[in-house]
């Protein structure tokens, strides 16, 4: 049986090694991860991730069935992803990397 807490701790360690990433309490529980003070993902428990993507990445990820639309804010680029097994970590990392890069790009853009 998969220990989801262990899987999430491994993922969290990986997230926190990304340059300029910090963690904070999320307003709805769990932990959010930010880059340059912009939230790019948060979690609800050890296996349910909410990840904010660019509109282009959102369309691709949903079209390919990689993640699910966020139940409250899909229009803002949020998707949900569930970690069920060890193999899901690689997909989670790919999604998180997209979100991280998008947040870094947004922070550096003039409209921020």
N, C-alpha and C. Protein backbone atom coordinates (compact mmCIF):
# COMPACT_ATOMS: atom_id res chain seq x y z
N UNK A 1 0.84 -1.19 0.00
CA UNK A 1 0.00 0.00 0.00
C UNK A 1 0.88 1.26 0.00
N UNK A 2 0.44 2.26 -0.72
CA UNK A 2 1.20 3.50 -0.87
C UNK A 2 0.96 4.41 0.34
N UNK A 3 2.04 4.92 0.90
CA UNK A 3 1.95 5.90 1.98
C UNK A 3 1.90 7.29 1.34
N UNK A 4 0.70 7.84 1.23
CA UNK A 4 0.54 9.14 0.56
C UNK A 4 1.25 10.26 1.30
N UNK A 5 1.34 10.16 2.62
CA UNK A 5 2.07 11.19 3.37
C UNK A 5 3.54 11.20 2.97
N UNK A 6 4.13 10.02 2.81
CA UNK A 6 5.53 9.93 2.39
C UNK A 6 5.70 10.47 0.97
N UNK A 7 4.78 10.12 0.08
CA UNK A 7 4.84 10.63 -1.29
C UNK A 7 4.77 12.16 -1.29
N UNK A 8 3.85 12.70 -0.50
CA UNK A 8 3.72 14.16 -0.48
C UNK A 8 4.95 14.82 0.12
N UNK A 9 5.52 14.24 1.16
CA UNK A 9 6.73 14.82 1.76
C UNK A 9 7.87 14.85 0.75
N UNK A 10 7.98 13.79 -0.07
CA UNK A 10 9.00 13.76 -1.13
C UNK A 10 8.73 14.87 -2.14
N UNK A 11 7.46 15.04 -2.51
CA UNK A 11 7.08 16.08 -3.47
C UNK A 11 7.34 17.47 -2.88
N UNK A 12 6.98 17.65 -1.63
CA UNK A 12 7.19 18.94 -0.96
C UNK A 12 8.67 19.31 -0.92
N UNK A 13 9.52 18.34 -0.62
CA UNK A 13 10.96 18.58 -0.61
C UNK A 13 11.43 19.03 -1.99
N UNK A 14 10.91 18.37 -3.03
CA UNK A 14 11.27 18.74 -4.40
C UNK A 14 10.79 20.16 -4.73
N UNK A 15 9.57 20.50 -4.35
CA UNK A 15 9.02 21.83 -4.63
C UNK A 15 9.87 22.91 -3.96
N UNK A 16 10.22 22.68 -2.71
CA UNK A 16 10.95 23.70 -1.94
C UNK A 16 12.39 23.89 -2.41
N UNK A 17 12.90 22.98 -3.24
CA UNK A 17 14.25 23.19 -3.78
C UNK A 17 14.22 24.05 -5.04
N UNK A 18 13.03 24.33 -5.58
CA UNK A 18 12.94 25.22 -6.74
C UNK A 18 13.34 26.63 -6.30
N UNK A 19 14.09 27.36 -7.12
CA UNK A 19 14.56 28.69 -6.72
C UNK A 19 13.42 29.64 -6.32
N UNK A 20 13.60 30.32 -5.20
CA UNK A 20 12.70 31.37 -4.71
C UNK A 20 11.34 30.88 -4.24
N UNK A 21 11.17 29.58 -4.04
CA UNK A 21 9.88 29.05 -3.59
C UNK A 21 9.81 29.11 -2.07
N UNK A 22 8.65 29.56 -1.59
CA UNK A 22 8.35 29.57 -0.16
C UNK A 22 7.02 28.88 0.06
N UNK A 23 6.77 28.51 1.29
CA UNK A 23 5.48 27.92 1.64
C UNK A 23 4.80 28.77 2.69
N UNK A 24 3.47 28.71 2.71
CA UNK A 24 2.67 29.47 3.67
C UNK A 24 1.38 28.71 3.91
N UNK A 25 0.71 29.04 4.99
CA UNK A 25 -0.60 28.45 5.24
C UNK A 25 -1.56 28.92 4.16
N UNK A 26 -2.34 27.99 3.64
CA UNK A 26 -3.34 28.35 2.63
C UNK A 26 -4.63 28.77 3.33
N UNK A 27 -5.31 29.74 2.79
CA UNK A 27 -6.51 30.31 3.43
C UNK A 27 -7.63 29.30 3.63
N UNK A 28 -7.64 28.20 2.85
CA UNK A 28 -8.68 27.17 3.01
C UNK A 28 -8.12 25.89 3.62
N UNK A 29 -6.98 25.98 4.26
CA UNK A 29 -6.34 24.81 4.86
C UNK A 29 -5.24 24.27 3.97
N UNK A 30 -4.37 23.49 4.53
CA UNK A 30 -3.25 22.97 3.77
C UNK A 30 -2.14 24.00 3.66
N UNK A 31 -1.28 23.78 2.71
CA UNK A 31 -0.12 24.63 2.49
C UNK A 31 -0.14 25.13 1.06
N UNK A 32 0.23 26.38 0.87
CA UNK A 32 0.39 26.89 -0.50
C UNK A 32 1.87 27.13 -0.74
N UNK A 33 2.22 27.05 -2.00
CA UNK A 33 3.59 27.29 -2.42
C UNK A 33 3.59 28.50 -3.33
N UNK A 34 4.55 29.38 -3.08
CA UNK A 34 4.63 30.65 -3.79
C UNK A 34 6.01 30.83 -4.38
N UNK A 35 6.07 31.58 -5.46
CA UNK A 35 7.33 32.04 -5.99
C UNK A 35 7.19 33.55 -6.13
N UNK A 36 8.12 34.25 -5.55
CA UNK A 36 8.06 35.72 -5.54
C UNK A 36 6.70 36.21 -5.04
N UNK A 37 6.19 35.55 -3.99
CA UNK A 37 4.92 35.88 -3.31
C UNK A 37 3.67 35.62 -4.13
N UNK A 38 3.78 34.90 -5.25
CA UNK A 38 2.63 34.55 -6.07
C UNK A 38 2.36 33.05 -5.92
N UNK A 39 1.17 32.71 -5.45
CA UNK A 39 0.81 31.30 -5.26
C UNK A 39 0.71 30.61 -6.61
N UNK A 40 1.36 29.46 -6.72
CA UNK A 40 1.25 28.68 -7.94
C UNK A 40 0.66 27.30 -7.69
N UNK A 41 0.55 26.88 -6.44
CA UNK A 41 -0.14 25.64 -6.12
C UNK A 41 -0.40 25.55 -4.62
N UNK A 42 -1.35 24.70 -4.27
CA UNK A 42 -1.61 24.38 -2.87
C UNK A 42 -2.13 22.95 -2.81
N UNK A 43 -2.25 22.45 -1.62
CA UNK A 43 -2.74 21.08 -1.49
C UNK A 43 -3.80 20.99 -0.40
N UNK A 44 -4.61 19.97 -0.53
CA UNK A 44 -5.62 19.62 0.48
C UNK A 44 -5.31 18.18 0.87
N UNK A 45 -4.67 18.01 1.99
CA UNK A 45 -4.23 16.67 2.38
C UNK A 45 -3.03 16.26 1.55
N UNK A 46 -2.55 15.04 1.77
CA UNK A 46 -1.31 14.61 1.11
C UNK A 46 -1.46 14.17 -0.34
N UNK A 47 -2.67 14.10 -0.85
CA UNK A 47 -2.79 13.55 -2.20
C UNK A 47 -3.59 14.42 -3.18
N UNK A 48 -4.13 15.55 -2.73
CA UNK A 48 -4.97 16.36 -3.61
C UNK A 48 -4.32 17.71 -3.83
N UNK A 49 -3.86 17.95 -5.07
CA UNK A 49 -3.16 19.17 -5.41
C UNK A 49 -4.02 20.07 -6.28
N UNK A 50 -3.96 21.36 -6.04
CA UNK A 50 -4.54 22.36 -6.92
C UNK A 50 -3.38 23.17 -7.48
N UNK A 51 -3.32 23.25 -8.81
CA UNK A 51 -2.17 23.81 -9.50
C UNK A 51 -2.65 24.85 -10.50
N UNK A 52 -2.00 26.03 -10.50
CA UNK A 52 -2.41 27.12 -11.39
C UNK A 52 -1.51 27.16 -12.64
N UNK A 53 -2.13 26.97 -13.78
CA UNK A 53 -1.41 26.92 -15.05
C UNK A 53 -1.73 28.14 -15.90
N UNK A 54 -0.91 28.34 -16.93
CA UNK A 54 -1.24 29.35 -17.93
C UNK A 54 -2.47 28.85 -18.69
N UNK A 55 -3.16 29.74 -19.37
CA UNK A 55 -4.35 29.34 -20.14
C UNK A 55 -3.99 28.28 -21.18
N UNK A 56 -2.85 28.47 -21.85
CA UNK A 56 -2.42 27.51 -22.87
C UNK A 56 -2.16 26.14 -22.25
N UNK A 57 -1.41 26.11 -21.14
CA UNK A 57 -1.11 24.84 -20.47
C UNK A 57 -2.38 24.20 -19.92
N UNK A 58 -3.27 25.02 -19.38
CA UNK A 58 -4.55 24.52 -18.87
C UNK A 58 -5.31 23.78 -19.96
N UNK A 59 -5.43 24.39 -21.13
CA UNK A 59 -6.16 23.78 -22.24
C UNK A 59 -5.53 22.44 -22.62
N UNK A 60 -4.21 22.40 -22.74
CA UNK A 60 -3.52 21.18 -23.12
C UNK A 60 -3.70 20.08 -22.08
N UNK A 61 -3.51 20.42 -20.81
CA UNK A 61 -3.59 19.45 -19.73
C UNK A 61 -5.01 18.86 -19.63
N UNK A 62 -6.01 19.72 -19.74
CA UNK A 62 -7.39 19.22 -19.66
C UNK A 62 -7.75 18.39 -20.89
N UNK A 63 -7.34 18.85 -22.05
CA UNK A 63 -7.63 18.13 -23.30
C UNK A 63 -7.04 16.73 -23.28
N UNK A 64 -5.84 16.60 -22.71
CA UNK A 64 -5.16 15.31 -22.65
C UNK A 64 -5.53 14.48 -21.42
N UNK A 65 -6.43 14.99 -20.58
CA UNK A 65 -6.90 14.23 -19.43
C UNK A 65 -5.85 14.03 -18.35
N UNK A 66 -4.87 14.91 -18.30
CA UNK A 66 -3.79 14.78 -17.31
C UNK A 66 -4.25 15.22 -15.92
N UNK A 67 -5.12 16.22 -15.88
CA UNK A 67 -5.65 16.73 -14.60
C UNK A 67 -7.13 17.02 -14.80
N UNK A 68 -7.77 17.36 -13.70
CA UNK A 68 -9.20 17.70 -13.72
C UNK A 68 -9.38 19.20 -13.58
N UNK A 69 -10.48 19.74 -14.12
CA UNK A 69 -10.75 21.16 -13.89
C UNK A 69 -10.96 21.40 -12.38
N UNK A 70 -10.46 22.49 -11.90
CA UNK A 70 -10.68 22.87 -10.50
C UNK A 70 -12.17 23.11 -10.31
N UNK A 71 -12.72 22.69 -9.18
CA UNK A 71 -14.18 22.81 -9.03
C UNK A 71 -14.67 24.22 -8.81
N UNK A 72 -13.81 25.13 -8.36
CA UNK A 72 -14.28 26.50 -8.11
C UNK A 72 -13.66 27.55 -9.02
N UNK A 73 -12.45 27.31 -9.53
CA UNK A 73 -11.78 28.39 -10.27
C UNK A 73 -11.07 27.91 -11.54
N UNK A 74 -11.72 27.10 -12.36
CA UNK A 74 -11.03 26.67 -13.59
C UNK A 74 -10.77 27.84 -14.54
N UNK A 75 -11.62 28.85 -14.51
CA UNK A 75 -11.46 30.01 -15.39
C UNK A 75 -10.21 30.80 -15.06
N UNK A 76 -9.67 30.62 -13.86
CA UNK A 76 -8.46 31.33 -13.45
C UNK A 76 -7.20 30.49 -13.70
N UNK A 77 -7.36 29.35 -14.37
CA UNK A 77 -6.22 28.52 -14.71
C UNK A 77 -5.92 27.39 -13.75
N UNK A 78 -6.78 27.18 -12.76
CA UNK A 78 -6.53 26.13 -11.76
C UNK A 78 -7.01 24.77 -12.25
N UNK A 79 -6.18 23.75 -11.98
CA UNK A 79 -6.55 22.36 -12.20
C UNK A 79 -6.33 21.60 -10.90
N UNK A 80 -6.94 20.44 -10.82
CA UNK A 80 -6.74 19.57 -9.66
C UNK A 80 -6.08 18.28 -10.12
N UNK A 81 -5.20 17.77 -9.28
CA UNK A 81 -4.50 16.54 -9.59
C UNK A 81 -4.41 15.71 -8.32
N UNK A 82 -4.68 14.44 -8.43
CA UNK A 82 -4.66 13.54 -7.28
C UNK A 82 -3.48 12.58 -7.39
N UNK A 83 -2.73 12.47 -6.32
CA UNK A 83 -1.64 11.51 -6.25
C UNK A 83 -2.18 10.23 -5.63
N UNK A 84 -2.24 9.19 -6.45
CA UNK A 84 -2.76 7.89 -6.02
C UNK A 84 -1.65 6.86 -5.83
N UNK A 85 -0.60 6.98 -6.65
CA UNK A 85 0.48 6.00 -6.63
C UNK A 85 1.80 6.71 -6.88
N UNK A 86 2.88 6.02 -6.59
CA UNK A 86 4.22 6.59 -6.73
C UNK A 86 4.46 7.15 -8.13
N UNK A 87 3.95 6.48 -9.15
CA UNK A 87 4.16 6.93 -10.53
C UNK A 87 3.51 8.29 -10.80
N UNK A 88 2.54 8.68 -10.02
CA UNK A 88 1.87 9.98 -10.19
C UNK A 88 2.78 11.15 -9.84
N UNK A 89 3.84 10.88 -9.09
CA UNK A 89 4.75 11.98 -8.69
C UNK A 89 5.38 12.65 -9.89
N UNK A 90 5.76 11.90 -10.91
CA UNK A 90 6.40 12.50 -12.08
C UNK A 90 5.43 13.43 -12.81
N UNK A 91 4.18 13.01 -12.94
CA UNK A 91 3.17 13.87 -13.58
C UNK A 91 2.93 15.11 -12.73
N UNK A 92 2.84 14.92 -11.41
CA UNK A 92 2.66 16.06 -10.51
C UNK A 92 3.82 17.04 -10.67
N UNK A 93 5.03 16.54 -10.74
CA UNK A 93 6.19 17.42 -10.89
C UNK A 93 6.15 18.18 -12.21
N UNK A 94 5.74 17.52 -13.28
CA UNK A 94 5.64 18.22 -14.57
C UNK A 94 4.62 19.35 -14.49
N UNK A 95 3.46 19.07 -13.88
CA UNK A 95 2.43 20.11 -13.75
C UNK A 95 2.91 21.25 -12.86
N UNK A 96 3.54 20.91 -11.77
CA UNK A 96 4.04 21.93 -10.84
C UNK A 96 5.13 22.77 -11.50
N UNK A 97 5.98 22.14 -12.28
CA UNK A 97 7.03 22.89 -12.98
C UNK A 97 6.40 23.89 -13.96
N UNK A 98 5.35 23.47 -14.67
CA UNK A 98 4.64 24.40 -15.57
C UNK A 98 4.08 25.58 -14.77
N UNK A 99 3.45 25.28 -13.63
CA UNK A 99 2.87 26.34 -12.79
C UNK A 99 3.95 27.26 -12.25
N UNK A 100 5.04 26.69 -11.81
CA UNK A 100 6.16 27.47 -11.28
C UNK A 100 6.70 28.42 -12.35
N UNK A 101 6.95 27.90 -13.55
CA UNK A 101 7.48 28.72 -14.64
C UNK A 101 6.48 29.82 -15.02
N UNK A 102 5.20 29.49 -15.03
CA UNK A 102 4.17 30.49 -15.32
C UNK A 102 4.16 31.60 -14.27
N UNK A 103 4.27 31.22 -13.01
CA UNK A 103 4.28 32.22 -11.93
C UNK A 103 5.52 33.11 -12.04
N UNK A 104 6.67 32.51 -12.34
CA UNK A 104 7.90 33.30 -12.51
C UNK A 104 7.72 34.29 -13.66
N UNK A 105 7.13 33.82 -14.77
CA UNK A 105 6.90 34.69 -15.93
C UNK A 105 5.94 35.82 -15.58
N UNK A 106 4.87 35.51 -14.85
CA UNK A 106 3.88 36.53 -14.47
C UNK A 106 4.52 37.58 -13.58
N UNK A 107 5.36 37.15 -12.66
CA UNK A 107 5.97 38.10 -11.73
C UNK A 107 6.89 39.06 -12.46
N UNK A 108 7.53 38.61 -13.52
CA UNK A 108 8.44 39.46 -14.25
C UNK A 108 7.78 40.31 -15.31
N UNK A 109 6.48 40.10 -15.56
CA UNK A 109 5.80 40.85 -16.61
C UNK A 109 5.35 42.21 -16.11
N UNK A 110 5.23 43.21 -16.99
CA UNK A 110 4.86 44.57 -16.58
C UNK A 110 3.47 44.69 -15.97
N UNK A 111 2.54 43.77 -16.29
CA UNK A 111 1.18 43.92 -15.76
C UNK A 111 1.04 43.48 -14.31
N UNK A 112 2.08 42.93 -13.72
CA UNK A 112 2.01 42.52 -12.32
C UNK A 112 2.12 43.70 -11.39
